[in-house]
Amino acid sequence: MRIFAGLSLLAALPAAAAPPPGASSCAGCHGGGGMPALAGQPVEAIAGAMLAYKAGQGSPTVMDRIARGFSEEEIRAIAAWVAAPR
């Protein structure tokens, strides 16, 4: 039953299947270009980093400005998409 509930939860995240806004830049959410690779990283680590940037924490990069444009729900959907192996 737990497995079914987990699969149902994953199925309820359609935003994770589509590329996030801006994925055409910065190597499609760090898929290359000398930036840290994000595919395969834990979703919570990616979401946590983006939420920290949104809050003005972390090193000053373009990410603080990007993260401010998203709600927490959007950040979590983006993190799920970015973390998925491609």
Foldseek 3Di string as FASTA:
>chain_A
DVVVVVVVVVVVLPLLVDQAPPLVPPVRLPCDDPDDQQAQPDLCVQLVVLVCLCVVDDDDDCSVVVSVVDDSVSSSSNSSNSHHHD
